[in-house]
Amino acid sequence: MMSRPIAAALILTALIALTACKKAPGGNTAADQASGAPGNASVLNAPTTPPPATENAASANPDADFVTNAALSDMYEVQAGQYAQAHALSPAVRHFAAEMVKAHTETTNQLKGLLPDSGVQVTPPSALDAQHQQMLDNLKSPGPAQFDRLYVSQQIKAHTDVVALFTAYSQKGANAPLTAWAAKTLPTIQHHLDLARKLQIDLK
């Protein structure tokens, strides 16, 4: 027969083992809690991790951005127009290109003259950015038969973008001299876009 001390020891051991295996509140075992592993209940009830805050995409200096983008557009228009005057087959396209060189040279000079009074601390770019340079390079790729259509297609895209730029700034810009100039210049840019669209139809 087992002695009483031995029997008591076995019962105590069994109780300790049973306690260790018992589920802790929230559905975790004691071992789970020690290791930090979640039980089923804690997974189901865990709060959803909030998505990261959306980064503010607004420019830190929208006035300077407007000046830079307007200047880049003018620069591209002048250089593309000069190239088109020398390579376009259609007299109408060559005439349009000459108008673009003249008009965008004027707006370049207007913008430069406006900057001192505007108070915007920005130096207009002296060279094209990658996007406009690629557009200019693409004009040198097609043969004479394709050049006119490509140039006019680029003009529609470029003037559509600039109309959007000038419309947005004239309505929401914070710099009074620049917003007034954008509003005054916008009809001319829209007219250029209308001419380019008509040219595209005539070339088909």
N, C-alpha and C. Protein backbone atom coordinates (compact mmCIF):
# COMPACT_ATOMS: atom_id res chain seq x y z
N MET A 1 0.86 -1.19 0.00
CA MET A 1 0.00 0.00 0.00
C MET A 1 0.90 1.24 0.00
N MET A 2 0.50 2.29 -0.80
CA MET A 2 1.29 3.52 -0.90
C MET A 2 1.16 4.31 0.40
N SER A 3 2.31 4.80 0.87
CA SER A 3 2.30 5.58 2.12
C SER A 3 1.59 6.90 1.89
N ARG A 4 1.06 7.47 2.98
CA ARG A 4 0.33 8.73 2.88
C ARG A 4 1.20 9.89 2.35
N PRO A 5 2.45 10.04 2.77
CA PRO A 5 3.27 11.14 2.24
C PRO A 5 3.45 11.05 0.73
N ILE A 6 3.66 9.81 0.22
CA ILE A 6 3.87 9.64 -1.22
C ILE A 6 2.58 9.98 -1.97
N ALA A 7 1.45 9.51 -1.46
CA ALA A 7 0.16 9.78 -2.10
C ALA A 7 -0.13 11.28 -2.13
N ALA A 8 0.18 11.95 -1.04
CA ALA A 8 -0.04 13.41 -0.99
C ALA A 8 0.83 14.13 -2.02
N ALA A 9 2.06 13.65 -2.17
CA ALA A 9 2.99 14.28 -3.12
C ALA A 9 2.48 14.11 -4.54
N LEU A 10 1.96 12.92 -4.88
CA LEU A 10 1.45 12.67 -6.23
C LEU A 10 0.23 13.55 -6.52
N ILE A 11 -0.64 13.68 -5.54
CA ILE A 11 -1.83 14.53 -5.73
C ILE A 11 -1.43 15.98 -5.97
N LEU A 12 -0.43 16.45 -5.20
CA LEU A 12 0.04 17.82 -5.35
C LEU A 12 0.62 18.06 -6.74
N THR A 13 1.39 17.08 -7.21
CA THR A 13 2.01 17.18 -8.55
C THR A 13 0.95 17.26 -9.63
N ALA A 14 -0.09 16.43 -9.48
CA ALA A 14 -1.17 16.42 -10.47
C ALA A 14 -1.90 17.76 -10.50
N LEU A 15 -2.11 18.35 -9.32
CA LEU A 15 -2.79 19.64 -9.25
C LEU A 15 -1.98 20.74 -9.93
N ILE A 16 -0.65 20.70 -9.72
CA ILE A 16 0.23 21.71 -10.34
C ILE A 16 0.18 21.62 -11.86
N ALA A 17 0.22 20.37 -12.36
CA ALA A 17 0.18 20.15 -13.81
C ALA A 17 -1.14 20.62 -14.39
N LEU A 18 -2.24 20.34 -13.66
CA LEU A 18 -3.56 20.75 -14.13
C LEU A 18 -3.68 22.26 -14.18
N THR A 19 -3.12 22.94 -13.21
CA THR A 19 -3.16 24.41 -13.17
C THR A 19 -2.39 25.01 -14.33
N ALA A 20 -1.24 24.41 -14.67
CA ALA A 20 -0.40 24.93 -15.75
C ALA A 20 -1.09 24.83 -17.09
N CYS A 21 -1.92 23.78 -17.27
CA CYS A 21 -2.59 23.57 -18.54
C CYS A 21 -3.90 24.33 -18.65
N LYS A 22 -4.39 24.85 -17.53
CA LYS A 22 -5.67 25.53 -17.52
C LYS A 22 -5.61 26.81 -18.37
N LYS A 23 -6.66 27.07 -19.13
CA LYS A 23 -6.71 28.26 -19.96
C LYS A 23 -6.76 29.51 -19.10
N ALA A 24 -5.94 30.48 -19.45
CA ALA A 24 -5.98 31.76 -18.76
C ALA A 24 -7.11 32.60 -19.35
N PRO A 25 -7.59 33.63 -18.66
CA PRO A 25 -8.66 34.50 -19.18
C PRO A 25 -8.28 35.07 -20.53
N GLY A 26 -9.26 35.14 -21.44
CA GLY A 26 -9.00 35.64 -22.78
C GLY A 26 -8.65 34.51 -23.72
N GLY A 27 -8.61 33.24 -23.27
CA GLY A 27 -8.38 32.13 -24.17
C GLY A 27 -6.95 31.72 -24.30
N ASN A 28 -6.00 32.24 -23.49
CA ASN A 28 -4.59 31.90 -23.58
C ASN A 28 -4.23 30.91 -22.49
N THR A 29 -3.34 30.01 -22.77
CA THR A 29 -2.76 29.16 -21.73
C THR A 29 -1.72 29.97 -20.99
N ALA A 30 -1.29 29.44 -19.85
CA ALA A 30 -0.22 30.14 -19.13
C ALA A 30 1.02 30.23 -19.99
N ALA A 31 1.30 29.15 -20.76
CA ALA A 31 2.46 29.17 -21.64
C ALA A 31 2.30 30.22 -22.73
N ASP A 32 1.03 30.36 -23.24
CA ASP A 32 0.78 31.36 -24.26
C ASP A 32 1.07 32.75 -23.72
N GLN A 33 0.59 33.02 -22.50
CA GLN A 33 0.80 34.34 -21.92
C GLN A 33 2.27 34.63 -21.71
N ALA A 34 3.01 33.62 -21.30
CA ALA A 34 4.44 33.83 -21.05
C ALA A 34 5.17 34.16 -22.34
N SER A 35 4.76 33.50 -23.47
CA SER A 35 5.45 33.72 -24.73
C SER A 35 4.87 34.90 -25.51
N GLY A 36 3.70 35.41 -25.09
CA GLY A 36 3.07 36.52 -25.81
C GLY A 36 2.24 36.04 -26.97
N ALA A 37 2.04 34.71 -27.15
CA ALA A 37 1.25 34.20 -28.27
C ALA A 37 -0.22 34.39 -27.96
N PRO A 38 -1.02 34.93 -28.89
CA PRO A 38 -2.44 35.17 -28.64
C PRO A 38 -3.23 33.90 -28.76
N GLY A 39 -4.29 33.78 -27.97
CA GLY A 39 -5.24 32.69 -28.14
C GLY A 39 -6.29 33.09 -29.14
N ASN A 40 -7.24 32.22 -29.45
CA ASN A 40 -8.24 32.49 -30.47
C ASN A 40 -9.09 33.70 -30.11
N ALA A 41 -9.51 33.79 -28.85
CA ALA A 41 -10.39 34.89 -28.46
C ALA A 41 -9.70 36.22 -28.61
N SER A 42 -8.41 36.30 -28.27
CA SER A 42 -7.70 37.57 -28.35
C SER A 42 -7.50 37.98 -29.81
N VAL A 43 -7.34 37.00 -30.71
CA VAL A 43 -7.19 37.33 -32.13
C VAL A 43 -8.49 37.91 -32.67
N LEU A 44 -9.61 37.29 -32.33
CA LEU A 44 -10.90 37.75 -32.85
C LEU A 44 -11.26 39.12 -32.31
N ASN A 45 -10.86 39.41 -31.07
CA ASN A 45 -11.25 40.66 -30.43
C ASN A 45 -10.19 41.76 -30.55
N ALA A 46 -9.06 41.45 -31.22
CA ALA A 46 -7.98 42.43 -31.30
C ALA A 46 -8.44 43.61 -32.15
N PRO A 47 -8.09 44.83 -31.75
CA PRO A 47 -8.50 46.00 -32.54
C PRO A 47 -7.80 46.02 -33.89
N THR A 48 -8.50 46.50 -34.92
CA THR A 48 -7.90 46.60 -36.24
C THR A 48 -6.85 47.69 -36.25
N THR A 49 -5.69 47.39 -36.86
CA THR A 49 -4.63 48.39 -36.93
C THR A 49 -5.05 49.48 -37.90
N PRO A 50 -5.04 50.73 -37.48
CA PRO A 50 -5.49 51.80 -38.37
C PRO A 50 -4.50 51.97 -39.52
N PRO A 51 -4.99 52.35 -40.72
CA PRO A 51 -4.08 52.56 -41.84
C PRO A 51 -3.18 53.75 -41.55
N PRO A 52 -2.00 53.77 -42.18
CA PRO A 52 -1.10 54.91 -41.96
C PRO A 52 -1.74 56.19 -42.44
N ALA A 53 -1.40 57.27 -41.80
CA ALA A 53 -1.98 58.56 -42.17
C ALA A 53 -1.59 58.90 -43.59
N THR A 54 -2.54 59.45 -44.36
CA THR A 54 -2.27 59.83 -45.75
C THR A 54 -1.32 61.00 -45.77
N GLU A 55 -0.26 60.86 -46.56
CA GLU A 55 0.74 61.92 -46.63
C GLU A 55 0.17 63.11 -47.37
N ASN A 56 0.41 64.28 -46.88
CA ASN A 56 -0.09 65.49 -47.50
C ASN A 56 0.63 65.72 -48.82
N ALA A 57 -0.14 65.61 -49.92
CA ALA A 57 0.48 65.72 -51.24
C ALA A 57 0.57 67.17 -51.69
N ALA A 58 0.00 68.11 -50.95
CA ALA A 58 0.03 69.51 -51.35
C ALA A 58 1.46 70.03 -51.34
N SER A 59 1.76 70.86 -52.33
CA SER A 59 3.10 71.41 -52.43
C SER A 59 3.36 72.39 -51.29
N ALA A 60 4.61 72.43 -50.85
CA ALA A 60 4.98 73.37 -49.80
C ALA A 60 5.05 74.79 -50.34
N ASN A 61 5.21 74.94 -51.68
CA ASN A 61 5.31 76.26 -52.28
C ASN A 61 4.59 76.26 -53.63
N PRO A 62 3.26 76.30 -53.63
CA PRO A 62 2.51 76.23 -54.89
C PRO A 62 2.77 77.40 -55.82
N ASP A 63 3.12 78.57 -55.27
CA ASP A 63 3.41 79.72 -56.13
C ASP A 63 4.68 79.47 -56.94
N ALA A 64 5.71 78.97 -56.28
CA ALA A 64 6.95 78.66 -56.98
C ALA A 64 6.74 77.53 -57.99
N ASP A 65 5.92 76.56 -57.63
CA ASP A 65 5.63 75.46 -58.55
C ASP A 65 4.93 75.97 -59.81
N PHE A 66 4.00 76.88 -59.62
CA PHE A 66 3.30 77.43 -60.79
C PHE A 66 4.28 78.15 -61.71
N VAL A 67 5.14 78.96 -61.14
CA VAL A 67 6.12 79.69 -61.95
C VAL A 67 7.02 78.71 -62.71
N THR A 68 7.49 77.70 -62.02
CA THR A 68 8.38 76.72 -62.65
C THR A 68 7.69 75.99 -63.79
N ASN A 69 6.47 75.53 -63.55
CA ASN A 69 5.75 74.77 -64.58
C ASN A 69 5.36 75.64 -65.77
N ALA A 70 4.98 76.88 -65.50
CA ALA A 70 4.65 77.79 -66.60
C ALA A 70 5.89 78.08 -67.44
N ALA A 71 7.02 78.29 -66.78
CA ALA A 71 8.26 78.58 -67.50
C ALA A 71 8.71 77.37 -68.32
N LEU A 72 8.59 76.16 -67.77
CA LEU A 72 8.96 74.95 -68.51
C LEU A 72 8.08 74.78 -69.74
N SER A 73 6.79 75.06 -69.59
CA SER A 73 5.88 74.95 -70.72
C SER A 73 6.27 75.93 -71.83
N ASP A 74 6.55 77.16 -71.45
CA ASP A 74 6.95 78.15 -72.44
C ASP A 74 8.24 77.72 -73.16
N MET A 75 9.19 77.23 -72.38
CA MET A 75 10.48 76.83 -72.96
C MET A 75 10.30 75.72 -73.99
N TYR A 76 9.48 74.73 -73.61
CA TYR A 76 9.22 73.63 -74.54
C TYR A 76 8.52 74.15 -75.80
N GLU A 77 7.51 75.01 -75.63
CA GLU A 77 6.76 75.53 -76.77
C GLU A 77 7.66 76.27 -77.75
N VAL A 78 8.57 77.07 -77.24
CA VAL A 78 9.47 77.83 -78.10
C VAL A 78 10.40 76.88 -78.86
N GLN A 79 11.01 75.94 -78.15
CA GLN A 79 11.97 75.04 -78.81
C GLN A 79 11.27 74.09 -79.79
N ALA A 80 10.11 73.57 -79.39
CA ALA A 80 9.36 72.69 -80.30
C ALA A 80 8.87 73.47 -81.52
N GLY A 81 8.43 74.70 -81.30
CA GLY A 81 7.96 75.52 -82.41
C GLY A 81 9.08 75.85 -83.38
N GLN A 82 10.25 76.15 -82.88
CA GLN A 82 11.40 76.42 -83.75
C GLN A 82 11.75 75.19 -84.59
N TYR A 83 11.70 74.03 -83.98
CA TYR A 83 12.01 72.80 -84.70
C TYR A 83 10.94 72.52 -85.75
N ALA A 84 9.68 72.75 -85.40
CA ALA A 84 8.58 72.50 -86.33
C ALA A 84 8.62 73.46 -87.52
N GLN A 85 9.04 74.68 -87.30
CA GLN A 85 9.15 75.63 -88.41
C GLN A 85 10.11 75.11 -89.48
N ALA A 86 11.13 74.38 -89.05
CA ALA A 86 12.15 73.90 -89.98
C ALA A 86 11.80 72.54 -90.58
N HIS A 87 10.91 71.76 -89.94
CA HIS A 87 10.70 70.38 -90.37
C HIS A 87 9.26 70.04 -90.77
N ALA A 88 8.30 70.86 -90.45
CA ALA A 88 6.91 70.54 -90.81
C ALA A 88 6.71 70.66 -92.32
N LEU A 89 5.90 69.77 -92.87
CA LEU A 89 5.58 69.81 -94.30
C LEU A 89 4.41 70.74 -94.58
N SER A 90 3.43 70.77 -93.66
CA SER A 90 2.23 71.56 -93.86
C SER A 90 2.50 73.05 -93.59
N PRO A 91 2.13 73.92 -94.52
CA PRO A 91 2.27 75.36 -94.27
C PRO A 91 1.46 75.80 -93.04
N ALA A 92 0.31 75.18 -92.83
CA ALA A 92 -0.52 75.54 -91.68
C ALA A 92 0.18 75.18 -90.37
N VAL A 93 0.86 74.04 -90.34
CA VAL A 93 1.59 73.64 -89.14
C VAL A 93 2.77 74.56 -88.91
N ARG A 94 3.46 74.94 -89.98
CA ARG A 94 4.60 75.86 -89.82
C ARG A 94 4.12 77.22 -89.31
N HIS A 95 2.98 77.66 -89.81
CA HIS A 95 2.42 78.94 -89.34
C HIS A 95 2.04 78.84 -87.86
N PHE A 96 1.41 77.75 -87.47
CA PHE A 96 1.05 77.55 -86.07
C PHE A 96 2.30 77.54 -85.20
N ALA A 97 3.34 76.85 -85.65
CA ALA A 97 4.58 76.77 -84.88
C ALA A 97 5.20 78.15 -84.69
N ALA A 98 5.14 78.98 -85.73
CA ALA A 98 5.68 80.34 -85.61
C ALA A 98 4.89 81.14 -84.59
N GLU A 99 3.57 80.94 -84.56
CA GLU A 99 2.74 81.62 -83.58
C GLU A 99 3.08 81.17 -82.16
N MET A 100 3.39 79.89 -81.99
CA MET A 100 3.74 79.37 -80.67
C MET A 100 5.06 79.98 -80.18
N VAL A 101 6.02 80.09 -81.09
CA VAL A 101 7.30 80.69 -80.71
C VAL A 101 7.09 82.14 -80.26
N LYS A 102 6.33 82.88 -81.04
CA LYS A 102 6.08 84.29 -80.71
C LYS A 102 5.32 84.44 -79.40
N ALA A 103 4.20 83.70 -79.27
CA ALA A 103 3.33 83.85 -78.10
C ALA A 103 4.01 83.42 -76.82
N HIS A 104 4.73 82.31 -76.87
CA HIS A 104 5.33 81.80 -75.63
C HIS A 104 6.63 82.52 -75.27
N THR A 105 7.25 83.17 -76.23
CA THR A 105 8.35 84.08 -75.90
C THR A 105 7.81 85.28 -75.14
N GLU A 106 6.65 85.77 -75.58
CA GLU A 106 6.02 86.91 -74.90
C GLU A 106 5.62 86.55 -73.46
N THR A 107 5.00 85.37 -73.27
CA THR A 107 4.58 85.02 -71.91
C THR A 107 5.78 84.73 -71.02
N THR A 108 6.87 84.23 -71.60
CA THR A 108 8.10 84.06 -70.82
C THR A 108 8.59 85.40 -70.29
N ASN A 109 8.62 86.40 -71.16
CA ASN A 109 9.09 87.72 -70.75
C ASN A 109 8.13 88.36 -69.75
N GLN A 110 6.83 88.15 -69.94
CA GLN A 110 5.85 88.68 -68.98
C GLN A 110 6.05 88.09 -67.59
N LEU A 111 6.24 86.78 -67.55
CA LEU A 111 6.40 86.11 -66.26
C LEU A 111 7.67 86.57 -65.56
N LYS A 112 8.76 86.68 -66.29
CA LYS A 112 10.01 87.15 -65.70
C LYS A 112 9.87 88.57 -65.16
N GLY A 113 9.16 89.41 -65.90
CA GLY A 113 8.97 90.78 -65.45
C GLY A 113 8.05 90.90 -64.25
N LEU A 114 7.19 89.90 -64.08
CA LEU A 114 6.23 89.92 -62.98
C LEU A 114 6.84 89.43 -61.66
N LEU A 115 7.85 88.61 -61.74
CA LEU A 115 8.38 87.97 -60.53
C LEU A 115 8.86 88.94 -59.45
N PRO A 116 9.58 90.01 -59.79
CA PRO A 116 10.03 90.92 -58.71
C PRO A 116 8.88 91.49 -57.89
N ASP A 117 7.76 91.83 -58.53
CA ASP A 117 6.62 92.38 -57.81
C ASP A 117 5.81 91.32 -57.08
N SER A 118 5.93 90.08 -57.52
CA SER A 118 5.14 89.02 -56.90
C SER A 118 5.68 88.63 -55.54
N GLY A 119 6.99 88.80 -55.34
CA GLY A 119 7.60 88.40 -54.07
C GLY A 119 7.89 86.92 -53.97
N VAL A 120 7.63 86.16 -55.02
CA VAL A 120 7.90 84.72 -55.00
C VAL A 120 9.39 84.49 -55.20
N GLN A 121 9.97 83.76 -54.27
CA GLN A 121 11.40 83.50 -54.32
C GLN A 121 11.66 82.24 -55.14
N VAL A 122 11.82 82.41 -56.43
CA VAL A 122 12.08 81.27 -57.31
C VAL A 122 12.82 81.77 -58.54
N THR A 123 13.76 80.97 -58.99
CA THR A 123 14.48 81.26 -60.23
C THR A 123 13.92 80.37 -61.33
N PRO A 124 13.38 80.94 -62.39
CA PRO A 124 12.83 80.12 -63.46
C PRO A 124 13.89 79.17 -64.01
N PRO A 125 13.49 77.97 -64.41
CA PRO A 125 14.47 77.00 -64.92
C PRO A 125 15.15 77.48 -66.18
N SER A 126 16.39 77.06 -66.35
CA SER A 126 17.15 77.44 -67.54
C SER A 126 17.25 76.30 -68.54
N ALA A 127 16.72 75.14 -68.20
CA ALA A 127 16.74 73.98 -69.10
C ALA A 127 15.45 73.18 -68.90
N LEU A 128 15.08 72.43 -69.92
CA LEU A 128 13.87 71.61 -69.83
C LEU A 128 14.01 70.51 -68.79
N ASP A 129 12.90 70.14 -68.19
CA ASP A 129 12.89 68.97 -67.32
C ASP A 129 12.85 67.72 -68.20
N ALA A 130 12.90 66.55 -67.55
CA ALA A 130 12.99 65.29 -68.29
C ALA A 130 11.77 65.06 -69.18
N GLN A 131 10.59 65.38 -68.67
CA GLN A 131 9.36 65.13 -69.42
C GLN A 131 9.32 65.94 -70.71
N HIS A 132 9.58 67.24 -70.61
CA HIS A 132 9.52 68.08 -71.81
C HIS A 132 10.70 67.80 -72.75
N GLN A 133 11.84 67.44 -72.20
CA GLN A 133 12.98 67.11 -73.05
C GLN A 133 12.69 65.85 -73.86
N GLN A 134 12.01 64.88 -73.23
CA GLN A 134 11.64 63.67 -73.94
C GLN A 134 10.66 63.97 -75.07
N MET A 135 9.72 64.87 -74.82
CA MET A 135 8.79 65.27 -75.88
C MET A 135 9.53 65.91 -77.04
N LEU A 136 10.48 66.76 -76.73
CA LEU A 136 11.26 67.42 -77.78
C LEU A 136 12.09 66.40 -78.55
N ASP A 137 12.70 65.46 -77.83
CA ASP A 137 13.50 64.43 -78.50
C ASP A 137 12.64 63.56 -79.41
N ASN A 138 11.41 63.30 -78.99
CA ASN A 138 10.52 62.47 -79.80
C ASN A 138 10.18 63.11 -81.13
N LEU A 139 10.21 64.43 -81.17
CA LEU A 139 9.93 65.13 -82.42
C LEU A 139 11.00 64.86 -83.48
N LYS A 140 12.17 64.44 -83.04
CA LYS A 140 13.28 64.22 -83.97
C LYS A 140 13.34 62.79 -84.49
N SER A 141 12.38 61.96 -84.05
CA SER A 141 12.40 60.55 -84.42
C SER A 141 11.64 60.23 -85.71
N PRO A 142 10.42 60.76 -85.90
CA PRO A 142 9.63 60.32 -87.06
C PRO A 142 10.15 60.90 -88.37
N GLY A 143 9.73 60.27 -89.46
CA GLY A 143 10.06 60.81 -90.77
C GLY A 143 9.18 62.00 -91.09
N PRO A 144 9.45 62.70 -92.21
CA PRO A 144 8.69 63.90 -92.56
C PRO A 144 7.19 63.67 -92.65
N ALA A 145 6.78 62.50 -93.10
CA ALA A 145 5.35 62.24 -93.28
C ALA A 145 4.62 62.16 -91.94
N GLN A 146 5.32 61.76 -90.90
CA GLN A 146 4.69 61.60 -89.58
C GLN A 146 4.89 62.80 -88.67
N PHE A 147 5.84 63.67 -89.02
CA PHE A 147 6.22 64.74 -88.09
C PHE A 147 5.04 65.66 -87.76
N ASP A 148 4.32 66.11 -88.77
CA ASP A 148 3.26 67.09 -88.54
C ASP A 148 2.23 66.58 -87.54
N ARG A 149 1.80 65.33 -87.72
CA ARG A 149 0.80 64.76 -86.82
C ARG A 149 1.34 64.63 -85.40
N LEU A 150 2.60 64.22 -85.28
CA LEU A 150 3.18 64.07 -83.94
C LEU A 150 3.29 65.43 -83.25
N TYR A 151 3.77 66.43 -83.97
CA TYR A 151 3.90 67.76 -83.38
C TYR A 151 2.55 68.29 -82.91
N VAL A 152 1.53 68.18 -83.74
CA VAL A 152 0.21 68.68 -83.38
C VAL A 152 -0.37 67.89 -82.21
N SER A 153 -0.13 66.57 -82.21
CA SER A 153 -0.60 65.75 -81.09
C SER A 153 0.06 66.19 -79.78
N GLN A 154 1.34 66.46 -79.83
CA GLN A 154 2.04 66.97 -78.64
C GLN A 154 1.48 68.33 -78.21
N GLN A 155 1.15 69.16 -79.17
CA GLN A 155 0.62 70.48 -78.85
C GLN A 155 -0.73 70.39 -78.13
N ILE A 156 -1.54 69.45 -78.55
CA ILE A 156 -2.84 69.26 -77.87
C ILE A 156 -2.62 68.81 -76.43
N LYS A 157 -1.74 67.84 -76.24
CA LYS A 157 -1.44 67.35 -74.88
C LYS A 157 -0.83 68.47 -74.03
N ALA A 158 0.16 69.17 -74.57
CA ALA A 158 0.85 70.21 -73.80
C ALA A 158 -0.10 71.34 -73.42
N HIS A 159 -0.92 71.79 -74.36
CA HIS A 159 -1.81 72.91 -74.05
C HIS A 159 -2.97 72.49 -73.16
N THR A 160 -3.39 71.24 -73.26
CA THR A 160 -4.41 70.75 -72.32
C THR A 160 -3.89 70.80 -70.90
N ASP A 161 -2.64 70.37 -70.71
CA ASP A 161 -2.03 70.41 -69.38
C ASP A 161 -1.89 71.84 -68.87
N VAL A 162 -1.49 72.75 -69.75
CA VAL A 162 -1.25 74.12 -69.32
C VAL A 162 -2.56 74.85 -69.04
N VAL A 163 -3.59 74.55 -69.81
CA VAL A 163 -4.90 75.12 -69.51
C VAL A 163 -5.34 74.70 -68.11
N ALA A 164 -5.13 73.43 -67.79
CA ALA A 164 -5.49 72.95 -66.44
C ALA A 164 -4.65 73.66 -65.38
N LEU A 165 -3.36 73.84 -65.64
CA LEU A 165 -2.47 74.51 -64.69
C LEU A 165 -2.91 75.95 -64.44
N PHE A 166 -3.16 76.70 -65.51
CA PHE A 166 -3.52 78.11 -65.37
C PHE A 166 -4.93 78.27 -64.79
N THR A 167 -5.84 77.35 -65.14
CA THR A 167 -7.18 77.42 -64.58
C THR A 167 -7.14 77.23 -63.07
N ALA A 168 -6.43 76.19 -62.63
CA ALA A 168 -6.35 75.89 -61.20
C ALA A 168 -5.69 77.04 -60.43
N TYR A 169 -4.60 77.57 -60.97
CA TYR A 169 -3.89 78.62 -60.22
C TYR A 169 -4.68 79.93 -60.22
N SER A 170 -5.33 80.25 -61.33
CA SER A 170 -6.10 81.50 -61.37
C SER A 170 -7.26 81.46 -60.38
N GLN A 171 -7.74 80.26 -60.06
CA GLN A 171 -8.87 80.12 -59.14
C GLN A 171 -8.43 79.93 -57.69
N LYS A 172 -7.29 79.29 -57.47
CA LYS A 172 -6.90 78.92 -56.11
C LYS A 172 -5.55 79.47 -55.68
N GLY A 173 -4.83 80.13 -56.57
CA GLY A 173 -3.52 80.66 -56.21
C GLY A 173 -3.62 81.74 -55.14
N ALA A 174 -2.56 81.85 -54.35
CA ALA A 174 -2.57 82.79 -53.23
C ALA A 174 -1.84 84.09 -53.54
N ASN A 175 -1.08 84.11 -54.63
CA ASN A 175 -0.29 85.30 -54.96
C ASN A 175 -1.07 86.16 -55.95
N ALA A 176 -1.47 87.34 -55.53
CA ALA A 176 -2.38 88.18 -56.33
C ALA A 176 -1.81 88.53 -57.71
N PRO A 177 -0.55 89.01 -57.83
CA PRO A 177 -0.04 89.33 -59.18
C PRO A 177 -0.01 88.12 -60.10
N LEU A 178 0.36 86.96 -59.56
CA LEU A 178 0.43 85.76 -60.39
C LEU A 178 -0.94 85.23 -60.78
N THR A 179 -1.90 85.27 -59.84
CA THR A 179 -3.24 84.79 -60.18
C THR A 179 -3.88 85.69 -61.23
N ALA A 180 -3.65 86.99 -61.14
CA ALA A 180 -4.20 87.92 -62.13
C ALA A 180 -3.59 87.65 -63.50
N TRP A 181 -2.28 87.39 -63.53
CA TRP A 181 -1.62 87.10 -64.81
C TRP A 181 -2.10 85.77 -65.39
N ALA A 182 -2.30 84.79 -64.53
CA ALA A 182 -2.78 83.48 -64.99
C ALA A 182 -4.17 83.62 -65.60
N ALA A 183 -5.04 84.39 -64.94
CA ALA A 183 -6.40 84.58 -65.46
C ALA A 183 -6.38 85.35 -66.78
N LYS A 184 -5.48 86.32 -66.91
CA LYS A 184 -5.38 87.12 -68.13
C LYS A 184 -4.83 86.29 -69.29
N THR A 185 -3.90 85.38 -68.99
CA THR A 185 -3.21 84.60 -70.02
C THR A 185 -4.01 83.37 -70.45
N LEU A 186 -4.87 82.88 -69.59
CA LEU A 186 -5.60 81.64 -69.84
C LEU A 186 -6.36 81.63 -71.17
N PRO A 187 -7.10 82.70 -71.55
CA PRO A 187 -7.81 82.65 -72.83
C PRO A 187 -6.89 82.45 -74.04
N THR A 188 -5.68 83.00 -73.98
CA THR A 188 -4.73 82.82 -75.07
C THR A 188 -4.30 81.36 -75.18
N ILE A 189 -4.04 80.74 -74.04
CA ILE A 189 -3.63 79.33 -74.05
C ILE A 189 -4.78 78.45 -74.54
N GLN A 190 -5.99 78.76 -74.12
CA GLN A 190 -7.15 78.01 -74.60
C GLN A 190 -7.30 78.15 -76.11
N HIS A 191 -7.03 79.34 -76.63
CA HIS A 191 -7.10 79.58 -78.07
C HIS A 191 -6.06 78.72 -78.79
N HIS A 192 -4.87 78.63 -78.24
CA HIS A 192 -3.84 77.77 -78.84
C HIS A 192 -4.31 76.32 -78.89
N LEU A 193 -4.94 75.87 -77.82
CA LEU A 193 -5.46 74.49 -77.78
C LEU A 193 -6.53 74.29 -78.86
N ASP A 194 -7.40 75.25 -79.02
CA ASP A 194 -8.45 75.14 -80.04
C ASP A 194 -7.83 75.08 -81.45
N LEU A 195 -6.80 75.89 -81.69
CA LEU A 195 -6.13 75.87 -82.99
C LEU A 195 -5.47 74.51 -83.25
N ALA A 196 -4.83 73.97 -82.22
CA ALA A 196 -4.16 72.68 -82.38
C ALA A 196 -5.17 71.57 -82.68
N ARG A 197 -6.31 71.61 -82.03
CA ARG A 197 -7.35 70.60 -82.28
C ARG A 197 -7.88 70.72 -83.72
N LYS A 198 -8.03 71.94 -84.21
CA LYS A 198 -8.49 72.12 -85.58
C LYS A 198 -7.44 71.61 -86.56
N LEU A 199 -6.18 71.88 -86.27
CA LEU A 199 -5.10 71.39 -87.13
C LEU A 199 -5.12 69.87 -87.23
N GLN A 200 -5.34 69.23 -86.09
CA GLN A 200 -5.36 67.76 -86.08
C GLN A 200 -6.45 67.23 -87.00
N ILE A 201 -7.60 67.88 -86.98
CA ILE A 201 -8.69 67.46 -87.87
C ILE A 201 -8.32 67.68 -89.33
N ASP A 202 -7.70 68.82 -89.62
CA ASP A 202 -7.33 69.14 -91.00
C ASP A 202 -6.26 68.20 -91.55
N LEU A 203 -5.41 67.65 -90.67
CA LEU A 203 -4.33 66.78 -91.13
C LEU A 203 -4.81 65.37 -91.41
N LYS A 204 -6.00 64.99 -90.99
CA LYS A 204 -6.49 63.62 -91.19
C LYS A 204 -6.93 63.41 -92.64
